[in-house]
PDB file of N, CA and C in Angstrom:
ATOM      1  N   MET A   1     -41.429 -46.673 -55.386  1.00  0.00           N
ATOM      2  CA  MET A   1     -41.531 -45.486 -56.062  1.00  0.00           C
ATOM      3  C   MET A   1     -40.173 -45.681 -56.593  1.00  0.00           C
ATOM      4  N   LYS A   2     -39.611 -45.135 -57.956  1.00  0.00           N
ATOM      5  CA  LYS A   2     -38.904 -45.071 -58.539  1.00  0.00           C
ATOM      6  C   LYS A   2     -38.228 -43.951 -59.185  1.00  0.00           C
ATOM      7  N   SER A   3     -39.150 -42.989 -59.327  1.00  0.00           N
ATOM      8  CA  SER A   3     -38.386 -41.583 -59.811  1.00  0.00           C
ATOM      9  C   SER A   3     -37.546 -40.769 -58.231  1.00  0.00           C
ATOM     10  N   ALA A   4     -36.821 -40.098 -58.385  1.00  0.00           N
ATOM     11  CA  ALA A   4     -36.403 -39.069 -57.559  1.00  0.00           C
ATOM     12  C   ALA A   4     -36.955 -38.167 -56.595  1.00  0.00           C
ATOM     13  N   LYS A   5     -38.488 -38.172 -57.894  1.00  0.00           N
ATOM     14  CA  LYS A   5     -39.372 -36.918 -56.898  1.00  0.00           C
ATOM     15  C   LYS A   5     -40.218 -37.710 -56.599  1.00  0.00           C
ATOM     16  N   GLU A   6     -40.711 -38.612 -56.410  1.00  0.00           N
ATOM     17  CA  GLU A   6     -41.432 -39.653 -55.568  1.00  0.00           C
ATOM     18  C   GLU A   6     -41.053 -39.919 -54.652  1.00  0.00           C
ATOM     19  N   PHE A   7     -39.700 -40.000 -54.301  1.00  0.00           N
ATOM     20  CA  PHE A   7     -38.657 -40.873 -53.109  1.00  0.00           C
ATOM     21  C   PHE A   7     -38.615 -39.575 -52.048  1.00  0.00           C
ATOM     22  N   ALA A   8     -38.197 -38.327 -52.547  1.00  0.00           N
ATOM     23  CA  ALA A   8     -38.038 -37.206 -52.298  1.00  0.00           C
ATOM     24  C   ALA A   8     -38.975 -36.614 -51.694  1.00  0.00           C
ATOM     25  N   ASN A   9     -40.270 -36.681 -52.684  1.00  0.00           N
ATOM     26  CA  ASN A   9     -41.707 -36.630 -51.760  1.00  0.00           C
ATOM     27  C   ASN A   9     -42.047 -37.433 -50.401  1.00  0.00           C
ATOM     28  N   TRP A  10     -42.045 -38.494 -50.723  1.00  0.00           N
ATOM     29  CA  TRP A  10     -41.714 -39.231 -49.405  1.00  0.00           C
ATOM     30  C   TRP A  10     -41.245 -39.175 -48.495  1.00  0.00           C
ATOM     31  N   LEU A  11     -39.347 -39.312 -48.961  1.00  0.00           N
ATOM     32  CA  LEU A  11     -39.030 -38.372 -47.191  1.00  0.00           C
ATOM     33  C   LEU A  11     -39.891 -37.110 -46.838  1.00  0.00           C
ATOM     34  N   ALA A  12     -39.916 -36.268 -47.160  1.00  0.00           N
ATOM     35  CA  ALA A  12     -40.093 -35.116 -46.843  1.00  0.00           C
ATOM     36  C   ALA A  12     -41.092 -34.878 -46.049  1.00  0.00           C
ATOM     37  N   GLY A  13     -42.187 -36.046 -46.232  1.00  0.00           N
ATOM     38  CA  GLY A  13     -43.653 -36.484 -45.703  1.00  0.00           C
ATOM     39  C   GLY A  13     -43.092 -36.910 -44.828  1.00  0.00           C
ATOM     40  N   GLN A  14     -42.212 -38.077 -44.334  1.00  0.00           N
ATOM     41  CA  GLN A  14     -42.316 -38.729 -43.293  1.00  0.00           C
ATOM     42  C   GLN A  14     -41.223 -37.921 -42.341  1.00  0.00           C
ATOM     43  N   LEU A  15     -40.105 -37.421 -42.734  1.00  0.00           N
ATOM     44  CA  LEU A  15     -39.358 -36.680 -41.971  1.00  0.00           C
ATOM     45  C   LEU A  15     -38.914 -35.409 -42.047  1.00  0.00           C
ATOM     46  N   LYS A  16     -40.287 -34.383 -41.926  1.00  0.00           N
ATOM     47  CA  LYS A  16     -40.078 -33.053 -41.882  1.00  0.00           C
ATOM     48  C   LYS A  16     -39.933 -33.056 -40.801  1.00  0.00           C
ATOM     49  N   ASP A  17     -40.334 -33.693 -39.903  1.00  0.00           N
ATOM     50  CA  ASP A  17     -40.321 -32.921 -38.317  1.00  0.00           C
ATOM     51  C   ASP A  17     -38.991 -33.368 -37.511  1.00  0.00           C
ATOM     52  N   VAL A  18     -38.246 -34.214 -37.933  1.00  0.00           N
ATOM     53  CA  VAL A  18     -37.040 -34.225 -37.703  1.00  0.00           C
ATOM     54  C   VAL A  18     -36.019 -33.512 -37.545  1.00  0.00           C
ATOM     55  N   LYS A  19     -36.119 -32.444 -36.789  1.00  0.00           N
ATOM     56  CA  LYS A  19     -35.580 -31.175 -36.874  1.00  0.00           C
ATOM     57  C   LYS A  19     -33.557 -31.347 -37.132  1.00  0.00           C
ATOM     58  N   SER A  20     -33.476 -33.210 -36.758  1.00  0.00           N
ATOM     59  CA  SER A  20     -31.866 -32.786 -36.349  1.00  0.00           C
ATOM     60  C   SER A  20     -31.584 -33.218 -37.276  1.00  0.00           C
ATOM     61  N   GLY A  21     -31.923 -33.532 -38.579  1.00  0.00           N
ATOM     62  CA  GLY A  21     -31.971 -34.691 -39.332  1.00  0.00           C
ATOM     63  C   GLY A  21     -31.707 -36.221 -39.057  1.00  0.00           C
ATOM     64  N   VAL A  22     -31.581 -36.774 -40.229  1.00  0.00           N
ATOM     65  CA  VAL A  22     -30.837 -38.265 -40.169  1.00  0.00           C
ATOM     66  C   VAL A  22     -30.459 -37.982 -41.163  1.00  0.00           C
ATOM     67  N   TYR A  23     -29.567 -39.982 -40.836  1.00  0.00           N
ATOM     68  CA  TYR A  23     -28.961 -40.845 -41.811  1.00  0.00           C
ATOM     69  C   TYR A  23     -29.470 -41.379 -42.810  1.00  0.00           C
ATOM     70  N   LEU A  24     -29.107 -42.380 -44.068  1.00  0.00           N
ATOM     71  CA  LEU A  24     -29.732 -43.365 -44.704  1.00  0.00           C
ATOM     72  C   LEU A  24     -28.240 -43.994 -45.342  1.00  0.00           C
ATOM     73  N   THR A  25     -28.449 -45.656 -45.386  1.00  0.00           N
ATOM     74  CA  THR A  25     -27.145 -45.867 -45.821  1.00  0.00           C
ATOM     75  C   THR A  25     -28.134 -46.502 -47.534  1.00  0.00           C
ATOM     76  N   ARG A  26     -26.815 -46.444 -47.846  1.00  0.00           N
ATOM     77  CA  ARG A  26     -26.967 -47.014 -49.643  1.00  0.00           C
ATOM     78  C   ARG A  26     -28.055 -48.099 -49.302  1.00  0.00           C
ATOM     79  N   SER A  27     -28.583 -49.136 -48.556  1.00  0.00           N
ATOM     80  CA  SER A  27     -28.976 -50.319 -48.598  1.00  0.00           C
ATOM     81  C   SER A  27     -30.597 -49.550 -48.148  1.00  0.00           C
ATOM     82  N   ASP A  28     -31.030 -48.651 -47.260  1.00  0.00           N
ATOM     83  CA  ASP A  28     -31.967 -48.225 -47.070  1.00  0.00           C
ATOM     84  C   ASP A  28     -32.608 -47.274 -47.967  1.00  0.00           C
ATOM     85  N   ILE A  29     -31.753 -46.649 -48.997  1.00  0.00           N
ATOM     86  CA  ILE A  29     -32.195 -45.574 -50.216  1.00  0.00           C
ATOM     87  C   ILE A  29     -32.595 -47.033 -51.501  1.00  0.00           C
ATOM     88  N   GLY A  30     -31.621 -48.049 -51.300  1.00  0.00           N
ATOM     89  CA  GLY A  30     -32.270 -49.029 -51.783  1.00  0.00           C
ATOM     90  C   GLY A  30     -33.335 -49.725 -51.869  1.00  0.00           C
ATOM     91  N   THR A  31     -33.438 -50.021 -50.607  1.00  0.00           N
ATOM     92  CA  THR A  31     -34.937 -50.643 -49.964  1.00  0.00           C
ATOM     93  C   THR A  31     -36.021 -49.775 -50.162  1.00  0.00           C
ATOM     94  N   LEU A  32     -36.041 -48.304 -49.779  1.00  0.00           N
ATOM     95  CA  LEU A  32     -37.064 -47.408 -49.664  1.00  0.00           C
ATOM     96  C   LEU A  32     -37.919 -46.666 -51.167  1.00  0.00           C
ATOM     97  N   SER A  33     -36.222 -46.815 -51.906  1.00  0.00           N
ATOM     98  CA  SER A  33     -36.967 -46.386 -52.923  1.00  0.00           C
ATOM     99  C   SER A  33     -37.520 -47.445 -54.110  1.00  0.00           C
ATOM    100  N   GLY A  34     -36.669 -48.828 -54.022  1.00  0.00           N
ATOM    101  CA  GLY A  34     -37.150 -49.693 -54.786  1.00  0.00           C
ATOM    102  C   GLY A  34     -36.373 -50.049 -55.929  1.00  0.00           C
ATOM    103  N   ARG A  35     -35.364 -49.328 -56.018  1.00  0.00           N
ATOM    104  CA  ARG A  35     -34.175 -49.196 -57.072  1.00  0.00           C
ATOM    105  C   ARG A  35     -33.249 -50.249 -56.600  1.00  0.00           C
ATOM    106  N   GLN A  36     -32.772 -51.077 -57.643  1.00  0.00           N
ATOM    107  CA  GLN A  36     -31.884 -51.631 -57.213  1.00  0.00           C
ATOM    108  C   GLN A  36     -30.123 -51.096 -57.756  1.00  0.00           C
ATOM    109  N   ARG A  37     -30.202 -49.908 -58.257  1.00  0.00           N
ATOM    110  CA  ARG A  37     -28.480 -49.012 -58.529  1.00  0.00           C
ATOM    111  C   ARG A  37     -29.038 -47.990 -58.907  1.00  0.00           C
ATOM    112  N   PHE A  38     -28.429 -46.938 -58.207  1.00  0.00           N
ATOM    113  CA  PHE A  38     -28.795 -45.069 -58.046  1.00  0.00           C
ATOM    114  C   PHE A  38     -27.368 -44.539 -58.237  1.00  0.00           C
ATOM    115  N   THR A  39     -27.385 -44.032 -58.925  1.00  0.00           N
ATOM    116  CA  THR A  39     -26.377 -42.962 -59.844  1.00  0.00           C
ATOM    117  C   THR A  39     -26.146 -41.836 -58.727  1.00  0.00           C
ATOM    118  N   PRO A  40     -24.753 -40.834 -58.746  1.00  0.00           N
ATOM    119  CA  PRO A  40     -25.108 -39.218 -58.094  1.00  0.00           C
ATOM    120  C   PRO A  40     -26.247 -38.165 -59.127  1.00  0.00           C
ATOM    121  N   ASP A  41     -26.724 -38.810 -59.931  1.00  0.00           N
ATOM    122  CA  ASP A  41     -27.763 -38.066 -60.454  1.00  0.00           C
ATOM    123  C   ASP A  41     -28.906 -38.224 -59.895  1.00  0.00           C
ATOM    124  N   PHE A  42     -29.337 -39.324 -59.524  1.00  0.00           N
ATOM    125  CA  PHE A  42     -30.146 -39.648 -58.661  1.00  0.00           C
ATOM    126  C   PHE A  42     -30.579 -38.927 -57.216  1.00  0.00           C
ATOM    127  N   ILE A  43     -29.150 -39.300 -56.699  1.00  0.00           N
ATOM    128  CA  ILE A  43     -29.038 -38.010 -55.459  1.00  0.00           C
ATOM    129  C   ILE A  43     -29.080 -36.701 -55.388  1.00  0.00           C
ATOM    130  N   ARG A  44     -28.597 -35.956 -56.737  1.00  0.00           N
ATOM    131  CA  ARG A  44     -28.610 -34.341 -56.979  1.00  0.00           C
ATOM    132  C   ARG A  44     -30.166 -34.671 -57.395  1.00  0.00           C
ATOM    133  N   ASP A  45     -30.958 -35.178 -57.679  1.00  0.00           N
ATOM    134  CA  ASP A  45     -32.356 -34.985 -58.052  1.00  0.00           C
ATOM    135  C   ASP A  45     -33.214 -34.896 -57.034  1.00  0.00           C
ATOM    136  N   ILE A  46     -32.832 -35.960 -55.924  1.00  0.00           N
ATOM    137  CA  ILE A  46     -33.380 -35.969 -54.609  1.00  0.00           C
ATOM    138  C   ILE A  46     -33.505 -34.539 -53.933  1.00  0.00           C
ATOM    139  N   HIS A  47     -31.780 -34.113 -53.866  1.00  0.00           N
ATOM    140  CA  HIS A  47     -31.414 -32.778 -53.290  1.00  0.00           C
ATOM    141  C   HIS A  47     -32.645 -31.571 -53.668  1.00  0.00           C
ATOM    142  N   TYR A  48     -32.378 -32.056 -55.295  1.00  0.00           N
ATOM    143  CA  TYR A  48     -33.178 -30.660 -55.402  1.00  0.00           C
ATOM    144  C   TYR A  48     -34.525 -30.540 -55.420  1.00  0.00           C
ATOM    145  N   GLU A  49     -35.254 -31.647 -55.520  1.00  0.00           N
ATOM    146  CA  GLU A  49     -37.181 -31.914 -54.978  1.00  0.00           C
ATOM    147  C   GLU A  49     -37.055 -31.584 -53.614  1.00  0.00           C
ATOM    148  N   LEU A  50     -36.394 -31.886 -52.672  1.00  0.00           N
ATOM    149  CA  LEU A  50     -36.120 -31.707 -50.799  1.00  0.00           C
ATOM    150  C   LEU A  50     -36.174 -30.393 -50.951  1.00  0.00           C
ATOM    151  N   ALA A  51     -34.730 -29.436 -51.546  1.00  0.00           N
ATOM    152  CA  ALA A  51     -34.871 -27.875 -51.478  1.00  0.00           C
ATOM    153  C   ALA A  51     -36.066 -27.118 -51.504  1.00  0.00           C
ATOM    154  N   LEU A  52     -36.781 -28.222 -52.472  1.00  0.00           N
ATOM    155  CA  LEU A  52     -38.233 -26.986 -52.070  1.00  0.00           C
ATOM    156  C   LEU A  52     -39.097 -27.151 -51.128  1.00  0.00           C
ATOM    157  N   TYR A  53     -38.519 -28.395 -49.981  1.00  0.00           N
ATOM    158  CA  TYR A  53     -39.449 -28.489 -48.898  1.00  0.00           C
ATOM    159  C   TYR A  53     -38.454 -27.667 -47.798  1.00  0.00           C
ATOM    160  N   GLY A  54     -37.285 -27.072 -48.044  1.00  0.00           N
ATOM    161  CA  GLY A  54     -36.593 -26.144 -47.175  1.00  0.00           C
ATOM    162  C   GLY A  54     -35.416 -27.347 -46.789  1.00  0.00           C
ATOM    163  N   MET A  55     -35.207 -28.408 -47.513  1.00  0.00           N
ATOM    164  CA  MET A  55     -34.427 -29.481 -46.713  1.00  0.00           C
ATOM    165  C   MET A  55     -33.343 -29.709 -47.901  1.00  0.00           C
ATOM    166  N   GLY A  56     -32.259 -30.614 -47.312  1.00  0.00           N
ATOM    167  CA  GLY A  56     -31.270 -30.610 -47.949  1.00  0.00           C
ATOM    168  C   GLY A  56     -30.698 -32.475 -48.161  1.00  0.00           C
ATOM    169  N   PHE A  57     -30.375 -32.954 -49.139  1.00  0.00           N
ATOM    170  CA  PHE A  57     -30.033 -34.557 -49.059  1.00  0.00           C
ATOM    171  C   PHE A  57     -28.433 -33.878 -49.704  1.00  0.00           C
ATOM    172  N   VAL A  58     -27.431 -34.831 -49.079  1.00  0.00           N
ATOM    173  CA  VAL A  58     -26.190 -35.336 -49.865  1.00  0.00           C
ATOM    174  C   VAL A  58     -25.486 -36.101 -49.183  1.00  0.00           C
ATOM    175  N   GLY A  59     -24.703 -36.955 -49.584  1.00  0.00           N
ATOM    176  CA  GLY A  59     -23.831 -38.146 -49.456  1.00  0.00           C
ATOM    177  C   GLY A  59     -22.358 -37.923 -48.854  1.00  0.00           C
ATOM    178  N   ASP A  60     -21.934 -38.913 -48.209  1.00  0.00           N
ATOM    179  CA  ASP A  60     -20.830 -38.436 -47.125  1.00  0.00           C
ATOM    180  C   ASP A  60     -19.695 -38.805 -48.700  1.00  0.00           C
ATOM    181  N   LEU A  61     -18.478 -38.875 -48.668  1.00  0.00           N
ATOM    182  CA  LEU A  61     -17.403 -38.811 -49.731  1.00  0.00           C
ATOM    183  C   LEU A  61     -17.132 -40.805 -50.276  1.00  0.00           C
ATOM    184  N   HIS A  62     -17.757 -41.300 -49.622  1.00  0.00           N
ATOM    185  CA  HIS A  62     -17.863 -42.621 -50.396  1.00  0.00           C
ATOM    186  C   HIS A  62     -19.108 -43.325 -50.569  1.00  0.00           C
ATOM    187  N   ARG A  63     -19.581 -42.162 -50.233  1.00  0.00           N
ATOM    188  CA  ARG A  63     -21.631 -42.707 -50.609  1.00  0.00           C
ATOM    189  C   ARG A  63     -21.870 -43.855 -50.673  1.00  0.00           C
ATOM    190  N   GLU A  64     -21.617 -44.113 -48.493  1.00  0.00           N
ATOM    191  CA  GLU A  64     -22.157 -45.269 -47.920  1.00  0.00           C
ATOM    192  C   GLU A  64     -23.253 -44.740 -47.370  1.00  0.00           C
ATOM    193  N   LYS A  65     -23.152 -43.523 -46.778  1.00  0.00           N
ATOM    194  CA  LYS A  65     -24.391 -42.819 -45.542  1.00  0.00           C
ATOM    195  C   LYS A  65     -24.787 -41.269 -46.414  1.00  0.00           C
ATOM    196  N   TYR A  66     -26.098 -41.159 -46.560  1.00  0.00           N
ATOM    197  CA  TYR A  66     -26.503 -39.740 -47.177  1.00  0.00           C
ATOM    198  C   TYR A  66     -27.537 -39.094 -46.118  1.00  0.00           C
ATOM    199  N   TYR A  67     -27.084 -37.649 -46.109  1.00  0.00           N
ATOM    200  CA  TYR A  67     -27.863 -37.319 -44.882  1.00  0.00           C
ATOM    201  C   TYR A  67     -28.699 -36.220 -45.508  1.00  0.00           C
ATOM    202  N   LEU A  68     -29.760 -36.138 -44.389  1.00  0.00           N
ATOM    203  CA  LEU A  68     -31.396 -35.771 -45.052  1.00  0.00           C
ATOM    204  C   LEU A  68     -31.144 -34.861 -43.554  1.00  0.00           C
ATOM    205  N   PHE A  69     -30.934 -33.381 -44.258  1.00  0.00           N
ATOM    206  CA  PHE A  69     -31.390 -32.239 -42.783  1.00  0.00           C
ATOM    207  C   PHE A  69     -32.036 -30.602 -43.586  1.00  0.00           C
ATOM    208  N   HIS A  70     -32.392 -30.275 -42.340  1.00  0.00           N
ATOM    209  CA  HIS A  70     -32.893 -28.843 -42.537  1.00  0.00           C
ATOM    210  C   HIS A  70     -32.112 -27.945 -43.056  1.00  0.00           C
ATOM    211  N   LEU A  71     -32.421 -27.288 -44.193  1.00  0.00           N
ATOM    212  CA  LEU A  71     -31.563 -26.116 -44.826  1.00  0.00           C
ATOM    213  C   LEU A  71     -31.545 -24.717 -43.739  1.00  0.00           C
ATOM    214  N   PRO A  72     -30.864 -24.034 -43.308  1.00  0.00           N
ATOM    215  CA  PRO A  72     -30.449 -23.214 -42.664  1.00  0.00           C
ATOM    216  C   PRO A  72     -31.126 -21.916 -43.338  1.00  0.00           C
ATOM    217  N   THR A  73     -31.803 -21.193 -42.220  1.00  0.00           N
ATOM    218  CA  THR A  73     -32.735 -20.153 -42.542  1.00  0.00           C
ATOM    219  C   THR A  73     -31.684 -18.445 -42.176  1.00  0.00           C
ATOM    220  N   GLU A  74     -30.900 -18.864 -41.890  1.00  0.00           N
ATOM    221  CA  GLU A  74     -29.979 -17.587 -41.214  1.00  0.00           C
ATOM    222  C   GLU A  74     -28.776 -17.530 -41.797  1.00  0.00           C
ATOM    223  N   GLN A  75     -28.358 -16.282 -42.013  1.00  0.00           N
ATOM    224  CA  GLN A  75     -26.426 -16.191 -42.663  1.00  0.00           C
ATOM    225  C   GLN A  75     -26.015 -16.046 -41.609  1.00  0.00           C
ATOM    226  N   TRP A  76     -24.483 -16.677 -42.115  1.00  0.00           N
ATOM    227  CA  TRP A  76     -23.603 -16.852 -40.862  1.00  0.00           C
ATOM    228  C   TRP A  76     -23.135 -15.454 -40.114  1.00  0.00           C
ATOM    229  N   ILE A  77     -23.513 -14.499 -41.012  1.00  0.00           N
ATOM    230  CA  ILE A  77     -23.248 -12.934 -40.553  1.00  0.00           C
ATOM    231  C   ILE A  77     -23.687 -13.037 -39.001  1.00  0.00           C
ATOM    232  N   ILE A  78     -24.725 -13.098 -39.052  1.00  0.00           N
ATOM    233  CA  ILE A  78     -25.970 -13.302 -37.698  1.00  0.00           C
ATOM    234  C   ILE A  78     -25.001 -13.835 -36.756  1.00  0.00           C
ATOM    235  N   HIS A  79     -24.392 -14.600 -36.885  1.00  0.00           N
ATOM    236  CA  HIS A  79     -23.329 -15.693 -35.654  1.00  0.00           C
ATOM    237  C   HIS A  79     -22.067 -15.961 -36.168  1.00  0.00           C
ATOM    238  N   GLY A  80     -21.369 -15.006 -37.096  1.00  0.00           N
ATOM    239  CA  GLY A  80     -19.948 -15.209 -37.062  1.00  0.00           C
ATOM    240  C   GLY A  80     -19.327 -14.080 -36.171  1.00  0.00           C
ATOM    241  N   GLU A  81     -18.338 -14.210 -36.061  1.00  0.00           N
ATOM    242  CA  GLU A  81     -16.937 -13.596 -35.147  1.00  0.00           C
ATOM    243  C   GLU A  81     -17.204 -12.273 -36.182  1.00  0.00           C
ATOM    244  N   GLY A  82     -17.098 -11.098 -35.066  1.00  0.00           N
ATOM    245  CA  GLY A  82     -17.332  -9.403 -35.615  1.00  0.00           C
ATOM    246  C   GLY A  82     -18.877  -9.777 -36.289  1.00  0.00           C
ATOM    247  N   SER A  83     -19.783 -10.198 -35.737  1.00  0.00           N
ATOM    248  CA  SER A  83     -20.941  -9.233 -36.355  1.00  0.00           C
ATOM    249  C   SER A  83     -21.215  -8.412 -35.934  1.00  0.00           C
ATOM    250  N   GLN A  84     -21.119  -7.983 -35.569  1.00  0.00           N
ATOM    251  CA  GLN A  84     -21.638  -6.855 -34.395  1.00  0.00           C
ATOM    252  C   GLN A  84     -21.061  -5.597 -34.907  1.00  0.00           C
ATOM    253  N   GLU A  85     -19.961  -5.798 -36.199  1.00  0.00           N
ATOM    254  CA  GLU A  85     -19.172  -4.532 -36.797  1.00  0.00           C
ATOM    255  C   GLU A  85     -19.476  -4.113 -37.745  1.00  0.00           C
ATOM    256  N   THR A  86     -19.166  -3.282 -38.212  1.00  0.00           N
ATOM    257  CA  THR A  86     -19.551  -2.733 -39.538  1.00  0.00           C
ATOM    258  C   THR A  86     -18.942  -3.710 -40.727  1.00  0.00           C
ATOM    259  N   LYS A  87     -19.651  -4.005 -41.490  1.00  0.00           N
ATOM    260  CA  LYS A  87     -19.091  -4.915 -42.440  1.00  0.00           C
ATOM    261  C   LYS A  87     -17.483  -4.232 -43.160  1.00  0.00           C
ATOM    262  N   ALA A  88     -16.816  -4.662 -43.348  1.00  0.00           N
ATOM    263  CA  ALA A  88     -15.401  -3.885 -44.035  1.00  0.00           C
ATOM    264  C   ALA A  88     -15.178  -4.263 -45.608  1.00  0.00           C
ATOM    265  N   SER A  89     -14.536  -3.559 -46.588  1.00  0.00           N
ATOM    266  CA  SER A  89     -14.981  -3.518 -47.676  1.00  0.00           C
ATOM    267  C   SER A  89     -13.746  -5.015 -47.744  1.00  0.00           C
ATOM    268  N   ASN A  90     -13.715  -5.860 -48.884  1.00  0.00           N
ATOM    269  CA  ASN A  90     -12.805  -6.392 -48.903  1.00  0.00           C
ATOM    270  C   ASN A  90     -12.141  -6.380 -50.394  1.00  0.00           C
ATOM    271  N   VAL A  91     -12.495  -4.963 -51.046  1.00  0.00           N
ATOM    272  CA  VAL A  91     -11.300  -4.395 -51.601  1.00  0.00           C
ATOM    273  C   VAL A  91     -10.220  -3.869 -51.766  1.00  0.00           C
ATOM    274  N   HIS A  92      -8.774  -4.245 -52.071  1.00  0.00           N
ATOM    275  CA  HIS A  92      -7.629  -3.774 -51.809  1.00  0.00           C
ATOM    276  C   HIS A  92      -6.774  -3.462 -53.014  1.00  0.00           C
ATOM    277  N   ALA A  93      -6.373  -2.420 -52.731  1.00  0.00           N
ATOM    278  CA  ALA A  93      -5.396  -2.017 -54.011  1.00  0.00           C
ATOM    279  C   ALA A  93      -4.423  -2.621 -54.273  1.00  0.00           C
ATOM    280  N   ILE A  94      -4.571  -2.196 -55.752  1.00  0.00           N
ATOM    281  CA  ILE A  94      -3.416  -3.177 -56.499  1.00  0.00           C
ATOM    282  C   ILE A  94      -2.092  -2.536 -56.368  1.00  0.00           C
ATOM    283  N   THR A  95      -0.833  -2.807 -56.001  1.00  0.00           N
ATOM    284  CA  THR A  95      -0.371  -2.080 -56.102  1.00  0.00           C
ATOM    285  C   THR A  95       1.008  -2.817 -57.177  1.00  0.00           C
ATOM    286  N   ASP A  96       2.069  -1.685 -57.902  1.00  0.00           N
ATOM    287  CA  ASP A  96       2.753  -1.752 -59.095  1.00  0.00           C
ATOM    288  C   ASP A  96       4.024  -2.737 -57.955  1.00  0.00           C
ATOM    289  N   LYS A  97       4.540  -3.980 -58.651  1.00  0.00           N
ATOM    290  CA  LYS A  97       6.001  -4.251 -57.631  1.00  0.00           C
ATOM    291  C   LYS A  97       6.887  -3.513 -58.722  1.00  0.00           C
ATOM    292  N   LYS A  98       6.857  -2.750 -59.407  1.00  0.00           N
ATOM    293  CA  LYS A  98       8.087  -1.806 -60.242  1.00  0.00           C
ATOM    294  C   LYS A  98       8.510  -1.011 -59.475  1.00  0.00           C
ATOM    295  N   THR A  99       7.581  -0.676 -58.655  1.00  0.00           N
ATOM    296  CA  THR A  99       7.299   0.967 -58.348  1.00  0.00           C
ATOM    297  C   THR A  99       7.511   1.030 -56.813  1.00  0.00           C
ATOM    298  N   LYS A 100       7.408  -0.140 -56.221  1.00  0.00           N
ATOM    299  CA  LYS A 100       7.357  -0.778 -54.723  1.00  0.00           C
ATOM    300  C   LYS A 100       8.658  -0.573 -54.268  1.00  0.00           C
ATOM    301  N   CYS A 101       9.995  -0.262 -54.955  1.00  0.00           N
ATOM    302  CA  CYS A 101      11.335  -0.304 -54.602  1.00  0.00           C
ATOM    303  C   CYS A 101      11.907   0.382 -53.359  1.00  0.00           C
TER     304      CYS A 101
END
């Protein structure tokens, strides 16, 4: 398989039941995809295709490990600090420094 779409479909089929996620190395991706080289665009395209399955695919800063995970379905506010409180406005008045003396 050479295309990102084919590889993403294969990954989703093989690993969709692994809820904790997995990581793959550069070597793993090369071996499994059949590509000798791949670019950040290839990884981005894999991520795009996996997002259709509710999964994500991102790399670390050094592009040595790539992480496959299930995308969250809950918004942060459900678990965030103060989630029981009503939402406060984040709009603040602008004060003029000249009149603030």
